[in-house]
């Protein structure tokens, strides 16, 4: 071994070469996490700690979404490793958000669902997010409108309309998460959606869908389950 080399450096270089030659699809999850952790501790063997983290949390996605306090419970997972994990998670979130801009929502609904799931699945409290669309339903921007308990008595309609007007949005898709893991919309969720639809319609803004995020499962779509059509019909006489 050369003076400037350390144990595991050859293995680490082989992982790097493997990525450059064959891409991420050639990697197992433990190899992905191992290589990521080496960026935080470049002179440390990270193979076993990567496997320990996966064993504790169950998947690569769960490791990336884990809170720092939980990650600290993994033996030999240090602060630099934890920083690397959370930094990558943040980069992935921004990438998924930015790649949606200017894309047509109806053609990119799967990508929207992927972004929302990644952005909201690990949150410990409810967050309300909006995706703003232009007249041709191309995505302008996405923003967190409010945080806290989602109810029909909150300020969300006013805040939502304010944001929509700032972006000159012609249509919206809204989403919120259920930290409990239950995808089923509550009575309050249905009431809120109806109130939002009415508020948007009065400003000539079309509320296309309301998505509920719970864990990493596919989001619940009000539109796909026929609830948006029911709301439109119910509100037709009022409008």
C-alpha atoms as a PDB file:
ATOM      1  CA  UNK A   1       0.000   0.000   0.000  1.00  0.00           C
ATOM      2  CA  UNK A   2       1.329   3.441  -0.918  1.00  0.00           C
ATOM      3  CA  UNK A   3       1.951   5.988   1.842  1.00  0.00           C
ATOM      4  CA  UNK A   4      -0.993   8.232   0.833  1.00  0.00           C
ATOM      5  CA  UNK A   5      -3.406   5.359   0.347  1.00  0.00           C
ATOM      6  CA  UNK A   6      -5.662   3.929   3.029  1.00  0.00           C
ATOM      7  CA  UNK A   7      -7.567   0.723   3.588  1.00  0.00           C
ATOM      8  CA  UNK A   8     -10.484   0.446   1.181  1.00  0.00           C
ATOM      9  CA  UNK A   9      -9.226   3.086  -1.257  1.00  0.00           C
ATOM     10  CA  UNK A  10      -8.988   0.550  -4.076  1.00  0.00           C
ATOM     11  CA  UNK A  11     -12.552  -0.662  -3.464  1.00  0.00           C
ATOM     12  CA  UNK A  12     -13.777   2.931  -3.387  1.00  0.00           C
ATOM     13  CA  UNK A  13     -12.078   3.722  -6.687  1.00  0.00           C
ATOM     14  CA  UNK A  14     -13.646   0.624  -8.232  1.00  0.00           C
ATOM     15  CA  UNK A  15     -17.073   1.898  -7.159  1.00  0.00           C
ATOM     16  CA  UNK A  16     -16.365   5.268  -8.750  1.00  0.00           C
ATOM     17  CA  UNK A  17     -15.200   3.613 -11.963  1.00  0.00           C
ATOM     18  CA  UNK A  18     -18.272   1.395 -11.949  1.00  0.00           C
ATOM     19  CA  UNK A  19     -20.521   4.453 -11.755  1.00  0.00           C
ATOM     20  CA  UNK A  20     -18.679   6.257 -14.541  1.00  0.00           C
ATOM     21  CA  UNK A  21     -18.801   3.203 -16.816  1.00  0.00           C
ATOM     22  CA  UNK A  22     -22.244   1.764 -16.043  1.00  0.00           C
ATOM     23  CA  UNK A  23     -24.272   4.381 -14.177  1.00  0.00           C
ATOM     24  CA  UNK A  24     -26.373   4.227 -11.030  1.00  0.00           C
ATOM     25  CA  UNK A  25     -28.510   1.309 -12.228  1.00  0.00           C
ATOM     26  CA  UNK A  26     -25.517  -1.010 -11.844  1.00  0.00           C
ATOM     27  CA  UNK A  27     -25.385  -0.306  -8.087  1.00  0.00           C
ATOM     28  CA  UNK A  28     -27.095  -2.006  -5.195  1.00  0.00           C
ATOM     29  CA  UNK A  29     -28.576   0.334  -2.576  1.00  0.00           C
ATOM     30  CA  UNK A  30     -25.791  -0.443  -0.100  1.00  0.00           C
ATOM     31  CA  UNK A  31     -23.189   0.489  -2.714  1.00  0.00           C
ATOM     32  CA  UNK A  32     -24.984   3.768  -3.481  1.00  0.00           C
ATOM     33  CA  UNK A  33     -25.071   4.676   0.195  1.00  0.00           C
ATOM     34  CA  UNK A  34     -21.493   3.540   0.768  1.00  0.00           C
ATOM     35  CA  UNK A  35     -20.172   5.783  -2.004  1.00  0.00           C
ATOM     36  CA  UNK A  36     -22.283   8.678  -0.754  1.00  0.00           C
ATOM     37  CA  UNK A  37     -20.924   8.295   2.784  1.00  0.00           C
ATOM     38  CA  UNK A  38     -17.331   8.333   1.544  1.00  0.00           C
ATOM     39  CA  UNK A  39     -17.915  11.907   0.367  1.00  0.00           C
ATOM     40  CA  UNK A  40     -18.366  12.876   4.012  1.00  0.00           C
ATOM     41  CA  UNK A  41     -15.498  10.740   5.324  1.00  0.00           C
ATOM     42  CA  UNK A  42     -13.137  10.124   2.389  1.00  0.00           C
ATOM     43  CA  UNK A  43     -10.550   8.204   4.427  1.00  0.00           C
ATOM     44  CA  UNK A  44     -12.977   5.891   6.206  1.00  0.00           C
ATOM     45  CA  UNK A  45     -14.324   2.480   5.206  1.00  0.00           C
ATOM     46  CA  UNK A  46     -18.078   3.048   4.893  1.00  0.00           C
ATOM     47  CA  UNK A  47     -19.233  -0.376   3.703  1.00  0.00           C
ATOM     48  CA  UNK A  48     -20.460  -1.715   7.032  1.00  0.00           C
ATOM     49  CA  UNK A  49     -22.014   1.528   8.222  1.00  0.00           C
ATOM     50  CA  UNK A  50     -23.941   1.786   4.942  1.00  0.00           C
ATOM     51  CA  UNK A  51     -25.303  -1.724   5.432  1.00  0.00           C
ATOM     52  CA  UNK A  52     -26.157  -0.942   9.060  1.00  0.00           C
ATOM     53  CA  UNK A  53     -28.115   2.153   8.032  1.00  0.00           C
ATOM     54  CA  UNK A  54     -30.064   0.218   5.420  1.00  0.00           C
ATOM     55  CA  UNK A  55     -30.811  -2.530   7.907  1.00  0.00           C
ATOM     56  CA  UNK A  56     -32.117  -0.011  10.426  1.00  0.00           C
ATOM     57  CA  UNK A  57     -34.304   2.058   8.071  1.00  0.00           C
ATOM     58  CA  UNK A  58     -35.254  -0.571   5.496  1.00  0.00           C
ATOM     59  CA  UNK A  59     -34.491   1.243   2.235  1.00  0.00           C
ATOM     60  CA  UNK A  60     -32.239   3.848   0.647  1.00  0.00           C
ATOM     61  CA  UNK A  61     -35.162   6.287   0.423  1.00  0.00           C
ATOM     62  CA  UNK A  62     -35.866   5.876   4.144  1.00  0.00           C
ATOM     63  CA  UNK A  63     -32.219   6.547   5.000  1.00  0.00           C
ATOM     64  CA  UNK A  64     -32.189   9.725   2.923  1.00  0.00           C
ATOM     65  CA  UNK A  65     -35.419  10.925   4.546  1.00  0.00           C
ATOM     66  CA  UNK A  66     -34.428  10.051   8.112  1.00  0.00           C
ATOM     67  CA  UNK A  67     -34.091  12.751  10.750  1.00  0.00           C
ATOM     68  CA  UNK A  68     -30.546  13.538  11.989  1.00  0.00           C
ATOM     69  CA  UNK A  69     -31.444  12.337  15.494  1.00  0.00           C
ATOM     70  CA  UNK A  70     -32.421   8.947  14.086  1.00  0.00           C
ATOM     71  CA  UNK A  71     -29.328   8.732  11.888  1.00  0.00           C
ATOM     72  CA  UNK A  72     -27.110   9.376  14.915  1.00  0.00           C
ATOM     73  CA  UNK A  73     -28.317   6.064  16.342  1.00  0.00           C
ATOM     74  CA  UNK A  74     -26.519   4.162  13.570  1.00  0.00           C
ATOM     75  CA  UNK A  75     -23.091   3.115  14.945  1.00  0.00           C
ATOM     76  CA  UNK A  76     -20.136   4.891  13.279  1.00  0.00           C
ATOM     77  CA  UNK A  77     -22.391   7.208  11.258  1.00  0.00           C
ATOM     78  CA  UNK A  78     -20.767  10.552  11.984  1.00  0.00           C
ATOM     79  CA  UNK A  79     -21.861  14.177  11.479  1.00  0.00           C
ATOM     80  CA  UNK A  80     -20.093  14.474   8.124  1.00  0.00           C
ATOM     81  CA  UNK A  81     -21.910  11.374   6.873  1.00  0.00           C
ATOM     82  CA  UNK A  82     -25.244  12.746   8.092  1.00  0.00           C
ATOM     83  CA  UNK A  83     -24.547  16.060   6.366  1.00  0.00           C
ATOM     84  CA  UNK A  84     -23.817  14.232   3.094  1.00  0.00           C
ATOM     85  CA  UNK A  85     -27.098  12.295   3.350  1.00  0.00           C
ATOM     86  CA  UNK A  86     -29.214  15.384   3.979  1.00  0.00           C
ATOM     87  CA  UNK A  87     -27.419  17.438   1.364  1.00  0.00           C
ATOM     88  CA  UNK A  88     -28.109  14.820  -1.303  1.00  0.00           C
ATOM     89  CA  UNK A  89     -31.752  14.634  -0.200  1.00  0.00           C
ATOM     90  CA  UNK A  90     -32.047  18.406  -0.611  1.00  0.00           C
ATOM     91  CA  UNK A  91     -30.353  18.365  -4.012  1.00  0.00           C
ATOM     92  CA  UNK A  92     -32.697  15.624  -5.219  1.00  0.00           C
ATOM     93  CA  UNK A  93     -35.719  17.617  -4.062  1.00  0.00           C
ATOM     94  CA  UNK A  94     -34.580  20.733  -5.908  1.00  0.00           C
ATOM     95  CA  UNK A  95     -33.788  18.743  -9.041  1.00  0.00           C
ATOM     96  CA  UNK A  96     -37.227  17.136  -9.094  1.00  0.00           C
ATOM     97  CA  UNK A  97     -38.854  20.529  -8.584  1.00  0.00           C
ATOM     98  CA  UNK A  98     -36.873  22.381 -11.249  1.00  0.00           C
ATOM     99  CA  UNK A  99     -37.244  19.736 -13.937  1.00  0.00           C
ATOM    100  CA  UNK A 100     -41.034  20.243 -13.821  1.00  0.00           C
ATOM    101  CA  UNK A 101     -40.950  23.876 -14.870  1.00  0.00           C
ATOM    102  CA  UNK A 102     -42.553  24.582 -18.269  1.00  0.00           C
ATOM    103  CA  UNK A 103     -43.733  20.983 -18.632  1.00  0.00           C
ATOM    104  CA  UNK A 104     -47.415  20.326 -19.286  1.00  0.00           C
ATOM    105  CA  UNK A 105     -49.029  19.035 -16.122  1.00  0.00           C
ATOM    106  CA  UNK A 106     -51.264  16.454 -17.786  1.00  0.00           C
ATOM    107  CA  UNK A 107     -48.281  14.926 -19.575  1.00  0.00           C
ATOM    108  CA  UNK A 108     -46.068  15.048 -16.502  1.00  0.00           C
ATOM    109  CA  UNK A 109     -48.455  14.049 -13.715  1.00  0.00           C
ATOM    110  CA  UNK A 110     -46.246  11.084 -12.811  1.00  0.00           C
ATOM    111  CA  UNK A 111     -43.226  13.368 -12.395  1.00  0.00           C
ATOM    112  CA  UNK A 112     -45.328  15.748 -10.297  1.00  0.00           C
ATOM    113  CA  UNK A 113     -46.340  12.843  -8.076  1.00  0.00           C
ATOM    114  CA  UNK A 114     -42.690  11.773  -7.754  1.00  0.00           C
ATOM    115  CA  UNK A 115     -41.650  15.280  -6.745  1.00  0.00           C
ATOM    116  CA  UNK A 116     -44.450  15.719  -4.217  1.00  0.00           C
ATOM    117  CA  UNK A 117     -43.804  12.300  -2.701  1.00  0.00           C
ATOM    118  CA  UNK A 118     -40.093  13.029  -2.360  1.00  0.00           C
ATOM    119  CA  UNK A 119     -40.727  16.503  -0.950  1.00  0.00           C
ATOM    120  CA  UNK A 120     -43.457  15.593   1.535  1.00  0.00           C
ATOM    121  CA  UNK A 121     -43.310  11.897   2.467  1.00  0.00           C
ATOM    122  CA  UNK A 122     -40.967  12.344   5.448  1.00  0.00           C
ATOM    123  CA  UNK A 123     -42.475  15.503   6.965  1.00  0.00           C
ATOM    124  CA  UNK A 124     -43.664  15.216  10.558  1.00  0.00           C
ATOM    125  CA  UNK A 125     -46.418  17.834  10.287  1.00  0.00           C
ATOM    126  CA  UNK A 126     -48.929  18.659   7.603  1.00  0.00           C
ATOM    127  CA  UNK A 127     -47.763  20.936   4.806  1.00  0.00           C
ATOM    128  CA  UNK A 128     -49.937  22.459   2.111  1.00  0.00           C
ATOM    129  CA  UNK A 129     -48.315  22.904  -1.307  1.00  0.00           C
ATOM    130  CA  UNK A 130     -49.528  24.363  -4.596  1.00  0.00           C
ATOM    131  CA  UNK A 131     -48.349  23.854  -8.170  1.00  0.00           C
ATOM    132  CA  UNK A 132     -49.132  26.875 -10.340  1.00  0.00           C
ATOM    133  CA  UNK A 133     -50.003  26.395 -14.013  1.00  0.00           C
ATOM    134  CA  UNK A 134     -50.427  28.756 -16.956  1.00  0.00           C
ATOM    135  CA  UNK A 135     -53.368  28.818 -19.376  1.00  0.00           C
ATOM    136  CA  UNK A 136     -51.976  25.814 -21.277  1.00  0.00           C
ATOM    137  CA  UNK A 137     -51.394  23.920 -18.005  1.00  0.00           C
ATOM    138  CA  UNK A 138     -47.621  24.258 -18.220  1.00  0.00           C
ATOM    139  CA  UNK A 139     -46.023  24.298 -14.776  1.00  0.00           C
ATOM    140  CA  UNK A 140     -44.853  27.732 -13.638  1.00  0.00           C
ATOM    141  CA  UNK A 141     -43.721  27.047 -10.082  1.00  0.00           C
ATOM    142  CA  UNK A 142     -44.440  25.055  -6.927  1.00  0.00           C
ATOM    143  CA  UNK A 143     -44.566  26.515  -3.437  1.00  0.00           C
ATOM    144  CA  UNK A 144     -45.384  25.560   0.136  1.00  0.00           C
ATOM    145  CA  UNK A 145     -48.335  27.806   0.956  1.00  0.00           C
ATOM    146  CA  UNK A 146     -48.724  26.928   4.620  1.00  0.00           C
ATOM    147  CA  UNK A 147     -47.682  24.517   7.343  1.00  0.00           C
ATOM    148  CA  UNK A 148     -49.624  23.081  10.246  1.00  0.00           C
ATOM    149  CA  UNK A 149     -52.954  21.310  10.612  1.00  0.00           C
ATOM    150  CA  UNK A 150     -54.981  21.417   7.400  1.00  0.00           C
ATOM    151  CA  UNK A 151     -58.585  22.486   8.071  1.00  0.00           C
ATOM    152  CA  UNK A 152     -61.278  24.367   6.224  1.00  0.00           C
ATOM    153  CA  UNK A 153     -61.111  27.184   8.775  1.00  0.00           C
ATOM    154  CA  UNK A 154     -57.528  28.201   8.013  1.00  0.00           C
ATOM    155  CA  UNK A 155     -56.191  31.022   5.874  1.00  0.00           C
ATOM    156  CA  UNK A 156     -55.236  28.768   2.952  1.00  0.00           C
ATOM    157  CA  UNK A 157     -57.808  30.012   0.392  1.00  0.00           C
ATOM    158  CA  UNK A 158     -56.678  33.618   0.786  1.00  0.00           C
ATOM    159  CA  UNK A 159     -52.975  32.725   0.777  1.00  0.00           C
ATOM    160  CA  UNK A 160     -53.439  30.410  -2.170  1.00  0.00           C
ATOM    161  CA  UNK A 161     -55.201  33.032  -4.276  1.00  0.00           C
ATOM    162  CA  UNK A 162     -52.552  35.603  -3.361  1.00  0.00           C
ATOM    163  CA  UNK A 163     -49.770  33.294  -4.572  1.00  0.00           C
ATOM    164  CA  UNK A 164     -51.692  32.345  -7.727  1.00  0.00           C
ATOM    165  CA  UNK A 165     -52.188  35.981  -8.700  1.00  0.00           C
ATOM    166  CA  UNK A 166     -48.503  36.700  -8.158  1.00  0.00           C
ATOM    167  CA  UNK A 167     -47.626  33.948 -10.642  1.00  0.00           C
ATOM    168  CA  UNK A 168     -50.476  34.932 -12.994  1.00  0.00           C
ATOM    169  CA  UNK A 169     -51.618  31.309 -12.757  1.00  0.00           C
ATOM    170  CA  UNK A 170     -54.659  30.134 -14.715  1.00  0.00           C
ATOM    171  CA  UNK A 171     -54.877  26.749 -12.987  1.00  0.00           C
ATOM    172  CA  UNK A 172     -53.690  24.987  -9.853  1.00  0.00           C
ATOM    173  CA  UNK A 173     -52.925  21.594  -8.409  1.00  0.00           C
ATOM    174  CA  UNK A 174     -52.743  21.470  -4.627  1.00  0.00           C
ATOM    175  CA  UNK A 175     -51.356  18.822  -2.317  1.00  0.00           C
ATOM    176  CA  UNK A 176     -50.922  18.114   1.356  1.00  0.00           C
ATOM    177  CA  UNK A 177     -49.417  15.287   3.351  1.00  0.00           C
ATOM    178  CA  UNK A 178     -50.839  12.959   5.987  1.00  0.00           C
ATOM    179  CA  UNK A 179     -47.996  12.173   8.428  1.00  0.00           C
ATOM    180  CA  UNK A 180     -50.221   9.407   9.847  1.00  0.00           C
ATOM    181  CA  UNK A 181     -49.720   7.439   6.622  1.00  0.00           C
ATOM    182  CA  UNK A 182     -53.455   7.267   5.852  1.00  0.00           C
ATOM    183  CA  UNK A 183     -54.223   8.238   2.249  1.00  0.00           C
ATOM    184  CA  UNK A 184     -57.994   8.489   2.735  1.00  0.00           C
ATOM    185  CA  UNK A 185     -59.268  12.098   2.515  1.00  0.00           C
ATOM    186  CA  UNK A 186     -61.031  13.294   5.649  1.00  0.00           C
ATOM    187  CA  UNK A 187     -64.273  15.241   5.804  1.00  0.00           C
ATOM    188  CA  UNK A 188     -62.148  18.334   6.446  1.00  0.00           C
ATOM    189  CA  UNK A 189     -60.036  17.570   3.335  1.00  0.00           C
ATOM    190  CA  UNK A 190     -63.180  17.397   1.204  1.00  0.00           C
ATOM    191  CA  UNK A 191     -64.572  20.601   2.713  1.00  0.00           C
ATOM    192  CA  UNK A 192     -61.282  22.399   2.182  1.00  0.00           C
ATOM    193  CA  UNK A 193     -61.122  21.285  -1.451  1.00  0.00           C
ATOM    194  CA  UNK A 194     -64.636  22.559  -2.075  1.00  0.00           C
ATOM    195  CA  UNK A 195     -63.821  25.925  -0.486  1.00  0.00           C
ATOM    196  CA  UNK A 196     -60.624  26.208  -2.493  1.00  0.00           C
ATOM    197  CA  UNK A 197     -62.447  25.331  -5.703  1.00  0.00           C
ATOM    198  CA  UNK A 198     -65.024  28.071  -5.077  1.00  0.00           C
ATOM    199  CA  UNK A 199     -62.386  30.651  -4.172  1.00  0.00           C
ATOM    200  CA  UNK A 200     -60.336  29.830  -7.262  1.00  0.00           C
ATOM    201  CA  UNK A 201     -63.358  29.795  -9.578  1.00  0.00           C
ATOM    202  CA  UNK A 202     -64.384  33.285  -8.459  1.00  0.00           C
ATOM    203  CA  UNK A 203     -60.943  34.462  -9.636  1.00  0.00           C
ATOM    204  CA  UNK A 204     -61.187  32.508 -12.920  1.00  0.00           C
ATOM    205  CA  UNK A 205     -58.565  30.014 -11.736  1.00  0.00           C
ATOM    206  CA  UNK A 206     -59.202  26.318 -12.339  1.00  0.00           C
ATOM    207  CA  UNK A 207     -58.402  23.959  -9.458  1.00  0.00           C
ATOM    208  CA  UNK A 208     -57.557  20.742 -11.303  1.00  0.00           C
ATOM    209  CA  UNK A 209     -56.732  18.350  -8.483  1.00  0.00           C
ATOM    210  CA  UNK A 210     -55.968  17.871  -4.813  1.00  0.00           C
ATOM    211  CA  UNK A 211     -53.370  15.226  -3.991  1.00  0.00           C
ATOM    212  CA  UNK A 212     -52.787  13.591  -0.623  1.00  0.00           C
ATOM    213  CA  UNK A 213     -49.279  12.338   0.142  1.00  0.00           C
ATOM    214  CA  UNK A 214     -48.737   9.604   2.732  1.00  0.00           C
ATOM    215  CA  UNK A 215     -45.352   7.946   2.883  1.00  0.00           C
ATOM    216  CA  UNK A 216     -43.909   6.663  -0.366  1.00  0.00           C
ATOM    217  CA  UNK A 217     -47.192   5.231  -1.688  1.00  0.00           C
ATOM    218  CA  UNK A 218     -48.765   6.665  -4.839  1.00  0.00           C
ATOM    219  CA  UNK A 219     -50.634   9.880  -3.942  1.00  0.00           C
ATOM    220  CA  UNK A 220     -54.415   9.925  -3.569  1.00  0.00           C
ATOM    221  CA  UNK A 221     -55.908  12.043  -6.352  1.00  0.00           C
ATOM    222  CA  UNK A 222     -59.272  13.757  -5.917  1.00  0.00           C
ATOM    223  CA  UNK A 223     -59.551  13.969  -9.704  1.00  0.00           C
ATOM    224  CA  UNK A 224     -58.793  10.298 -10.326  1.00  0.00           C
ATOM    225  CA  UNK A 225     -61.375   9.271  -7.715  1.00  0.00           C
ATOM    226  CA  UNK A 226     -64.085  11.489  -9.211  1.00  0.00           C
ATOM    227  CA  UNK A 227     -64.215  13.906  -6.289  1.00  0.00           C
ATOM    228  CA  UNK A 228     -63.212  16.958  -8.329  1.00  0.00           C
ATOM    229  CA  UNK A 229     -66.046  16.280 -10.778  1.00  0.00           C
ATOM    230  CA  UNK A 230     -68.490  16.009  -7.884  1.00  0.00           C
ATOM    231  CA  UNK A 231     -67.234  19.280  -6.420  1.00  0.00           C
ATOM    232  CA  UNK A 232     -67.563  21.020  -9.796  1.00  0.00           C
ATOM    233  CA  UNK A 233     -71.132  19.806 -10.149  1.00  0.00           C
ATOM    234  CA  UNK A 234     -72.031  20.834  -6.598  1.00  0.00           C
ATOM    235  CA  UNK A 235     -70.573  24.297  -7.081  1.00  0.00           C
ATOM    236  CA  UNK A 236     -72.051  24.910 -10.550  1.00  0.00           C
ATOM    237  CA  UNK A 237     -75.243  26.477  -9.237  1.00  0.00           C
ATOM    238  CA  UNK A 238     -73.349  28.711  -6.815  1.00  0.00           C
ATOM    239  CA  UNK A 239     -71.126  30.024  -9.599  1.00  0.00           C
END
